[in-house]
Amino acid sequence: MSRSVVLVDAVRTPFGKAGGMYAGTRADDLMVRAIRGLLDRNPKVDHSAIDDVAIAAATQTGDQGMNIGRSATLLAGLPNTVPGYSIDRWCAGALTAVTTIAGAIAFGSNDIAIAGGVEHMGNHPMGELMDPNPRYLAEKLVEQDALAMGATAERLHDRFPTITKERADKYALNSQIKTTKAYEAGLIQRDLIPTAARSAELGWTIATVDEAPRPTTTMEGLAGLKTPFRPAGRVTAGNSSGLNDGATAALLASEDTAKALGLGIKARLVTYAFAGVEPEVMGFGPVPSTIKALAQAGLSIEDIGLFEINEAFAVQVLAFLEHFGIADDDARVNPFGGAIAVGHPLASSGVRLMLNLARSFETHPEVRYGLTTMCIGLGMGGSVIWENPHFNGQVK
């Protein structure tokens, strides 16, 4: 048994800098705000009819622990009859929450459910409480660099010498420019749920925009940044995503259920795939996962009209584009900018990609298929292919 699965809606909190506007806010409260905002936007959904809630976090301790899928469900005020569970696939947590929920809907176990993710990197620095097994290095299962994401990005530069620091900086600048333009046009704010934030100096405030974008970024400024992962390296804070706090939530349903309830449909799931690569070049993961997903769907890269690629590092996106013969500045790629500008709160980012893609679908009825994809620590990639419900059959 298999049913068509659709993305009904998705939202996110504004993303903050680690130690920034959400320094006094709990991670589970960020997740609760996203869930409540999602449900407030969809009043036709009977809360008691939600079949399950899957929430991802890369660090599942403290305010991101205690089975955050269940605890956030209760804290959000959903009936205690609605179950919830937690997901961890590091950066692809929310993406995996979506695909796991989608699998249950396709199978017929669920009709309508919520998937999302949260990461408070201020409360939980990357790698907190991790205890890598000595076998990783002793048995050479991974290279030392595999345990430091910035070092894996430098390794990717080594593997693709045509991807210079200048190219990475230029891509990063373009991400900032696109984000600025999207904000000026009001394209990003419409899906941000205003979220309470508390500062010791300023007291309570309401966050309505992302904290991280740097609209005054220049190539000269990027060129002068330090390369912390390698002397005279190519990876800098300017051509990488930052350390961030934020939450995302998505409402998924079978297509029949969505239509019966009179809900909107933002995207139709075609297929998804995950794949592994050498851990020390984890940023290359989206290439094999996309190849796998395209094969499953019977499509080619030429069939994809819009791309949302998580910008963990500029070099990682450029390696994907170079492999598939796509220009660095192709207008189909991350039209609203990406994580280099707005941030990457690890396990939450997958839904942000889907949200952006769905919004692009609305203004591009000539595009039938879109892709959301991201790299994942320890050498993986995840890709989801979506169909545009607004497709008019007139492919350019």
Foldseek 3Di string as FASTA:
>chain_A
DFFWKFFQAKFKAFKEFQVPQALVPFFLQQALLRVLVVCVVPVLDDLLQAAEEEEEEQDADDSNHPFSQAVSCVVNPRPNNYYYGYAHQWQQQQVVQVVVVNVCQGVPNHFKHKTFYWFNCNVPPPPPPDDDDPCCVVVVVADPLLSPVLQLLLVLCVVPVVCALLNLLVLLLVLLVLQVVCVVVVNRQVRHRWDWGQDPVPGIDTDRHFHFADNVDDSVVSVPFASVNDHVTRFGLSQAFHAITMMMMTMMGGPVSCVVSVTHGLWIFQDKFKDFDRSSNLLQAQQVRVVVGCVVNVHDPVLAQAEEEARRGSSSVVSNCVVNVHDSVPCRYPSNRHRSGSGRSRSGCQSVSVNVVSSVLVVCLLRFKHKYKYGGRNGMIMMIIIGRPSNPPNHD
